[in-house]
Amino acid sequence: MSRIRSALGRLKGRAPVVSQPADISRLHAEIDELRAEIDELRVDSRRVAELYDLVFERLREQPKG
């Protein structure tokens, strides 16, 4: 998450029009990095949901006493 905040911070002060090929290339690289991080977060989120479901399934199986 901190990498996303850092990338957004770098983008915040930037002029809206970027015409330099090097800048465009760098922006594409940053976008690719952010997409990869978002994909990792999605995988983590799915795993947390699976564990959450598993815990509550096991709790329901416990005999009440």
PDB file of N, CA and C in Angstrom:
ATOM      1  N   MET A   1       0.818  -1.188   0.000  1.00  0.00           N
ATOM      2  CA  MET A   1       0.000   0.000   0.000  1.00  0.00           C
ATOM      3  C   MET A   1       0.861   1.251   0.000  1.00  0.00           C
ATOM      4  N   SER A   2       1.995   1.207   0.697  1.00  0.00           N
ATOM      5  CA  SER A   2       2.839   2.391   0.762  1.00  0.00           C
ATOM      6  C   SER A   2       3.404   2.724  -0.612  1.00  0.00           C
ATOM      7  N   ARG A   3       3.637   1.714  -1.458  1.00  0.00           N
ATOM      8  CA  ARG A   3       4.135   1.979  -2.802  1.00  0.00           C
ATOM      9  C   ARG A   3       3.089   2.702  -3.630  1.00  0.00           C
ATOM     10  N   ILE A   4       1.814   2.387  -3.401  1.00  0.00           N
ATOM     11  CA  ILE A   4       0.740   3.081  -4.113  1.00  0.00           C
ATOM     12  C   ILE A   4       0.709   4.537  -3.677  1.00  0.00           C
ATOM     13  N   ARG A   5       0.767   4.775  -2.373  1.00  0.00           N
ATOM     14  CA  ARG A   5       0.768   6.152  -1.871  1.00  0.00           C
ATOM     15  C   ARG A   5       1.962   6.929  -2.406  1.00  0.00           C
ATOM     16  N   SER A   6       3.114   6.287  -2.442  1.00  0.00           N
ATOM     17  CA  SER A   6       4.321   6.933  -2.945  1.00  0.00           C
ATOM     18  C   SER A   6       4.165   7.297  -4.420  1.00  0.00           C
ATOM     19  N   ALA A   7       3.635   6.378  -5.211  1.00  0.00           N
ATOM     20  CA  ALA A   7       3.442   6.649  -6.639  1.00  0.00           C
ATOM     21  C   ALA A   7       2.431   7.765  -6.852  1.00  0.00           C
ATOM     22  N   LEU A   8       1.367   7.753  -6.066  1.00  0.00           N
ATOM     23  CA  LEU A   8       0.367   8.814  -6.176  1.00  0.00           C
ATOM     24  C   LEU A   8       0.949  10.163  -5.773  1.00  0.00           C
ATOM     25  N   GLY A   9       1.797  10.164  -4.758  1.00  0.00           N
ATOM     26  CA  GLY A   9       2.453  11.395  -4.342  1.00  0.00           C
ATOM     27  C   GLY A   9       3.327  11.962  -5.445  1.00  0.00           C
ATOM     28  N   ARG A  10       4.033  11.089  -6.141  1.00  0.00           N
ATOM     29  CA  ARG A  10       4.869  11.545  -7.250  1.00  0.00           C
ATOM     30  C   ARG A  10       4.016  12.103  -8.383  1.00  0.00           C
ATOM     31  N   LEU A  11       2.847  11.529  -8.601  1.00  0.00           N
ATOM     32  CA  LEU A  11       1.977  11.973  -9.682  1.00  0.00           C
ATOM     33  C   LEU A  11       1.264  13.282  -9.353  1.00  0.00           C
ATOM     34  N   LYS A  12       1.062  13.562  -8.076  1.00  0.00           N
ATOM     35  CA  LYS A  12       0.269  14.703  -7.635  1.00  0.00           C
ATOM     36  C   LYS A  12       0.818  16.040  -8.136  1.00  0.00           C
ATOM     37  N   GLY A  13       2.113  16.255  -8.023  1.00  0.00           N
ATOM     38  CA  GLY A  13       2.696  17.530  -8.403  1.00  0.00           C
ATOM     39  C   GLY A  13       3.056  17.638  -9.867  1.00  0.00           C
ATOM     40  N   ARG A  14       2.748  16.662 -10.629  1.00  0.00           N
ATOM     41  CA  ARG A  14       3.142  16.599 -12.032  1.00  0.00           C
ATOM     42  C   ARG A  14       2.169  17.384 -12.910  1.00  0.00           C
ATOM     43  N   ALA A  15       2.686  17.981 -13.956  1.00  0.00           N
ATOM     44  CA  ALA A  15       1.849  18.682 -14.933  1.00  0.00           C
ATOM     45  C   ALA A  15       0.938  17.670 -15.631  1.00  0.00           C
ATOM     46  N   PRO A  16      -0.275  18.077 -15.992  1.00  0.00           N
ATOM     47  CA  PRO A  16      -1.226  17.129 -16.569  1.00  0.00           C
ATOM     48  C   PRO A  16      -0.822  16.580 -17.938  1.00  0.00           C
ATOM     49  N   VAL A  17      -0.081  17.352 -18.725  1.00  0.00           N
ATOM     50  CA  VAL A  17       0.309  16.895 -20.059  1.00  0.00           C
ATOM     51  C   VAL A  17       1.763  16.451 -20.033  1.00  0.00           C
ATOM     52  N   VAL A  18       1.988  15.201 -20.433  1.00  0.00           N
ATOM     53  CA  VAL A  18       3.344  14.653 -20.486  1.00  0.00           C
ATOM     54  C   VAL A  18       3.625  14.315 -21.936  1.00  0.00           C
ATOM     55  N   SER A  19       4.591  15.011 -22.518  1.00  0.00           N
ATOM     56  CA  SER A  19       4.832  14.800 -23.937  1.00  0.00           C
ATOM     57  C   SER A  19       6.169  14.130 -24.233  1.00  0.00           C
ATOM     58  N   GLN A  20       7.008  13.969 -23.229  1.00  0.00           N
ATOM     59  CA  GLN A  20       8.318  13.374 -23.433  1.00  0.00           C
ATOM     60  C   GLN A  20       8.198  11.851 -23.475  1.00  0.00           C
ATOM     61  N   PRO A  21       8.784  11.207 -24.477  1.00  0.00           N
ATOM     62  CA  PRO A  21       8.727   9.733 -24.558  1.00  0.00           C
ATOM     63  C   PRO A  21       9.288   9.053 -23.310  1.00  0.00           C
ATOM     64  N   ALA A  22      10.335   9.616 -22.713  1.00  0.00           N
ATOM     65  CA  ALA A  22      10.907   9.021 -21.500  1.00  0.00           C
ATOM     66  C   ALA A  22       9.906   9.084 -20.351  1.00  0.00           C
ATOM     67  N   ASP A  23       9.197  10.219 -20.255  1.00  0.00           N
ATOM     68  CA  ASP A  23       8.184  10.358 -19.206  1.00  0.00           C
ATOM     69  C   ASP A  23       7.043   9.364 -19.418  1.00  0.00           C
ATOM     70  N   ILE A  24       6.631   9.225 -20.653  1.00  0.00           N
ATOM     71  CA  ILE A  24       5.550   8.294 -20.964  1.00  0.00           C
ATOM     72  C   ILE A  24       5.969   6.871 -20.639  1.00  0.00           C
ATOM     73  N   SER A  25       7.186   6.529 -20.976  1.00  0.00           N
ATOM     74  CA  SER A  25       7.711   5.199 -20.688  1.00  0.00           C
ATOM     75  C   SER A  25       7.757   4.957 -19.181  1.00  0.00           C
ATOM     76  N   ARG A  26       8.207   5.959 -18.432  1.00  0.00           N
ATOM     77  CA  ARG A  26       8.281   5.839 -16.974  1.00  0.00           C
ATOM     78  C   ARG A  26       6.884   5.688 -16.371  1.00  0.00           C
ATOM     79  N   LEU A  27       5.935   6.458 -16.913  1.00  0.00           N
ATOM     80  CA  LEU A  27       4.560   6.354 -16.418  1.00  0.00           C
ATOM     81  C   LEU A  27       3.977   4.969 -16.699  1.00  0.00           C
ATOM     82  N   HIS A  28       4.275   4.430 -17.864  1.00  0.00           N
ATOM     83  CA  HIS A  28       3.811   3.072 -18.173  1.00  0.00           C
ATOM     84  C   HIS A  28       4.409   2.064 -17.185  1.00  0.00           C
ATOM     85  N   ALA A  29       5.660   2.245 -16.845  1.00  0.00           N
ATOM     86  CA  ALA A  29       6.309   1.352 -15.883  1.00  0.00           C
ATOM     87  C   ALA A  29       5.645   1.476 -14.509  1.00  0.00           C
ATOM     88  N   GLU A  30       5.337   2.713 -14.089  1.00  0.00           N
ATOM     89  CA  GLU A  30       4.664   2.919 -12.797  1.00  0.00           C
ATOM     90  C   GLU A  30       3.277   2.291 -12.802  1.00  0.00           C
ATOM     91  N   ILE A  31       2.563   2.432 -13.919  1.00  0.00           N
ATOM     92  CA  ILE A  31       1.231   1.830 -14.030  1.00  0.00           C
ATOM     93  C   ILE A  31       1.330   0.313 -13.938  1.00  0.00           C
ATOM     94  N   ASP A  32       2.304  -0.268 -14.626  1.00  0.00           N
ATOM     95  CA  ASP A  32       2.500  -1.722 -14.556  1.00  0.00           C
ATOM     96  C   ASP A  32       2.803  -2.164 -13.132  1.00  0.00           C
ATOM     97  N   GLU A  33       3.626  -1.386 -12.432  1.00  0.00           N
ATOM     98  CA  GLU A  33       3.965  -1.711 -11.038  1.00  0.00           C
ATOM     99  C   GLU A  33       2.725  -1.633 -10.155  1.00  0.00           C
ATOM    100  N   LEU A  34       1.911  -0.607 -10.341  1.00  0.00           N
ATOM    101  CA  LEU A  34       0.684  -0.464  -9.554  1.00  0.00           C
ATOM    102  C   LEU A  34      -0.296  -1.590  -9.852  1.00  0.00           C
ATOM    103  N   ARG A  35      -0.401  -1.969 -11.111  1.00  0.00           N
ATOM    104  CA  ARG A  35      -1.295  -3.080 -11.460  1.00  0.00           C
ATOM    105  C   ARG A  35      -0.841  -4.379 -10.801  1.00  0.00           C
ATOM    106  N   ALA A  36       0.462  -4.610 -10.785  1.00  0.00           N
ATOM    107  CA  ALA A  36       0.990  -5.811 -10.145  1.00  0.00           C
ATOM    108  C   ALA A  36       0.687  -5.793  -8.649  1.00  0.00           C
ATOM    109  N   GLU A  37       0.833  -4.625  -8.029  1.00  0.00           N
ATOM    110  CA  GLU A  37       0.550  -4.527  -6.596  1.00  0.00           C
ATOM    111  C   GLU A  37      -0.940  -4.731  -6.317  1.00  0.00           C
ATOM    112  N   ILE A  38      -1.791  -4.197  -7.172  1.00  0.00           N
ATOM    113  CA  ILE A  38      -3.237  -4.397  -7.020  1.00  0.00           C
ATOM    114  C   ILE A  38      -3.578  -5.878  -7.161  1.00  0.00           C
ATOM    115  N   ASP A  39      -2.952  -6.556  -8.119  1.00  0.00           N
ATOM    116  CA  ASP A  39      -3.182  -7.994  -8.281  1.00  0.00           C
ATOM    117  C   ASP A  39      -2.784  -8.756  -7.024  1.00  0.00           C
ATOM    118  N   GLU A  40      -1.641  -8.376  -6.415  1.00  0.00           N
ATOM    119  CA  GLU A  40      -1.210  -9.012  -5.162  1.00  0.00           C
ATOM    120  C   GLU A  40      -2.232  -8.769  -4.062  1.00  0.00           C
ATOM    121  N   LEU A  41      -2.749  -7.548  -3.986  1.00  0.00           N
ATOM    122  CA  LEU A  41      -3.751  -7.235  -2.966  1.00  0.00           C
ATOM    123  C   LEU A  41      -5.030  -8.027  -3.180  1.00  0.00           C
ATOM    124  N   ARG A  42      -5.410  -8.229  -4.436  1.00  0.00           N
ATOM    125  CA  ARG A  42      -6.599  -9.037  -4.722  1.00  0.00           C
ATOM    126  C   ARG A  42      -6.408 -10.474  -4.258  1.00  0.00           C
ATOM    127  N   VAL A  43      -5.235 -11.029  -4.527  1.00  0.00           N
ATOM    128  CA  VAL A  43      -4.938 -12.404  -4.096  1.00  0.00           C
ATOM    129  C   VAL A  43      -4.980 -12.476  -2.570  1.00  0.00           C
ATOM    130  N   ASP A  44      -4.355 -11.507  -1.903  1.00  0.00           N
ATOM    131  CA  ASP A  44      -4.361 -11.473  -0.438  1.00  0.00           C
ATOM    132  C   ASP A  44      -5.785 -11.353   0.097  1.00  0.00           C
ATOM    133  N   SER A  45      -6.570 -10.516  -0.541  1.00  0.00           N
ATOM    134  CA  SER A  45      -7.952 -10.314  -0.102  1.00  0.00           C
ATOM    135  C   SER A  45      -8.764 -11.596  -0.233  1.00  0.00           C
ATOM    136  N   ARG A  46      -8.583 -12.291  -1.363  1.00  0.00           N
ATOM    137  CA  ARG A  46      -9.284 -13.574  -1.539  1.00  0.00           C
ATOM    138  C   ARG A  46      -8.873 -14.581  -0.479  1.00  0.00           C
ATOM    139  N   ARG A  47      -7.584 -14.615  -0.173  1.00  0.00           N
ATOM    140  CA  ARG A  47      -7.083 -15.553   0.833  1.00  0.00           C
ATOM    141  C   ARG A  47      -7.652 -15.223   2.210  1.00  0.00           C
ATOM    142  N   VAL A  48      -7.719 -13.957   2.548  1.00  0.00           N
ATOM    143  CA  VAL A  48      -8.304 -13.548   3.832  1.00  0.00           C
ATOM    144  C   VAL A  48      -9.767 -13.967   3.888  1.00  0.00           C
ATOM    145  N   ALA A  49     -10.499 -13.772   2.806  1.00  0.00           N
ATOM    146  CA  ALA A  49     -11.910 -14.171   2.774  1.00  0.00           C
ATOM    147  C   ALA A  49     -12.053 -15.677   2.947  1.00  0.00           C
ATOM    148  N   GLU A  50     -11.179 -16.446   2.301  1.00  0.00           N
ATOM    149  CA  GLU A  50     -11.221 -17.906   2.449  1.00  0.00           C
ATOM    150  C   GLU A  50     -10.951 -18.314   3.893  1.00  0.00           C
ATOM    151  N   LEU A  51      -9.954 -17.698   4.515  1.00  0.00           N
ATOM    152  CA  LEU A  51      -9.637 -18.025   5.911  1.00  0.00           C
ATOM    153  C   LEU A  51     -10.770 -17.627   6.842  1.00  0.00           C
ATOM    154  N   TYR A  52     -11.365 -16.480   6.588  1.00  0.00           N
ATOM    155  CA  TYR A  52     -12.501 -16.012   7.371  1.00  0.00           C
ATOM    156  C   TYR A  52     -13.643 -17.031   7.300  1.00  0.00           C
ATOM    157  N   ASP A  53     -13.963 -17.463   6.075  1.00  0.00           N
ATOM    158  CA  ASP A  53     -15.022 -18.451   5.895  1.00  0.00           C
ATOM    159  C   ASP A  53     -14.678 -19.760   6.606  1.00  0.00           C
ATOM    160  N   LEU A  54     -13.433 -20.181   6.511  1.00  0.00           N
ATOM    161  CA  LEU A  54     -13.006 -21.421   7.148  1.00  0.00           C
ATOM    162  C   LEU A  54     -13.136 -21.340   8.668  1.00  0.00           C
ATOM    163  N   VAL A  55     -12.724 -20.230   9.247  1.00  0.00           N
ATOM    164  CA  VAL A  55     -12.818 -20.058  10.704  1.00  0.00           C
ATOM    165  C   VAL A  55     -14.268 -20.144  11.149  1.00  0.00           C
ATOM    166  N   PHE A  56     -15.169 -19.441  10.474  1.00  0.00           N
ATOM    167  CA  PHE A  56     -16.562 -19.463  10.896  1.00  0.00           C
ATOM    168  C   PHE A  56     -17.231 -20.801  10.614  1.00  0.00           C
ATOM    169  N   GLU A  57     -16.794 -21.493   9.588  1.00  0.00           N
ATOM    170  CA  GLU A  57     -17.305 -22.839   9.339  1.00  0.00           C
ATOM    171  C   GLU A  57     -16.900 -23.771  10.483  1.00  0.00           C
ATOM    172  N   ARG A  58     -15.643 -23.677  10.898  1.00  0.00           N
ATOM    173  CA  ARG A  58     -15.163 -24.497  12.011  1.00  0.00           C
ATOM    174  C   ARG A  58     -15.859 -24.137  13.314  1.00  0.00           C
ATOM    175  N   LEU A  59     -16.110 -22.852  13.531  1.00  0.00           N
ATOM    176  CA  LEU A  59     -16.813 -22.440  14.749  1.00  0.00           C
ATOM    177  C   LEU A  59     -18.236 -22.991  14.784  1.00  0.00           C
ATOM    178  N   ARG A  60     -18.880 -23.040  13.625  1.00  0.00           N
ATOM    179  CA  ARG A  60     -20.239 -23.595  13.568  1.00  0.00           C
ATOM    180  C   ARG A  60     -20.231 -25.086  13.854  1.00  0.00           C
ATOM    181  N   GLU A  61     -19.123 -25.774  13.521  1.00  0.00           N
ATOM    182  CA  GLU A  61     -19.023 -27.213  13.740  1.00  0.00           C
ATOM    183  C   GLU A  61     -18.773 -27.556  15.206  1.00  0.00           C
ATOM    184  N   GLN A  62     -18.293 -26.601  15.981  1.00  0.00           N
ATOM    185  CA  GLN A  62     -17.982 -26.843  17.392  1.00  0.00           C
ATOM    186  C   GLN A  62     -19.275 -27.107  18.158  1.00  0.00           C
ATOM    187  N   PRO A  63     -19.271 -28.131  19.030  1.00  0.00           N
ATOM    188  CA  PRO A  63     -20.460 -28.376  19.849  1.00  0.00           C
ATOM    189  C   PRO A  63     -20.634 -27.239  20.866  1.00  0.00           C
ATOM    190  N   LYS A  64     -21.871 -26.816  21.022  1.00  0.00           N
ATOM    191  CA  LYS A  64     -22.135 -25.746  21.990  1.00  0.00           C
ATOM    192  C   LYS A  64     -22.191 -26.356  23.375  1.00  0.00           C
ATOM    193  N   GLY A  65     -21.544 -25.665  24.310  1.00  0.00           N
ATOM    194  CA  GLY A  65     -21.489 -26.269  25.610  1.00  0.00           C
ATOM    195  C   GLY A  65     -21.665 -25.380  26.697  1.00  0.00           C
TER     196      GLY A  65
END
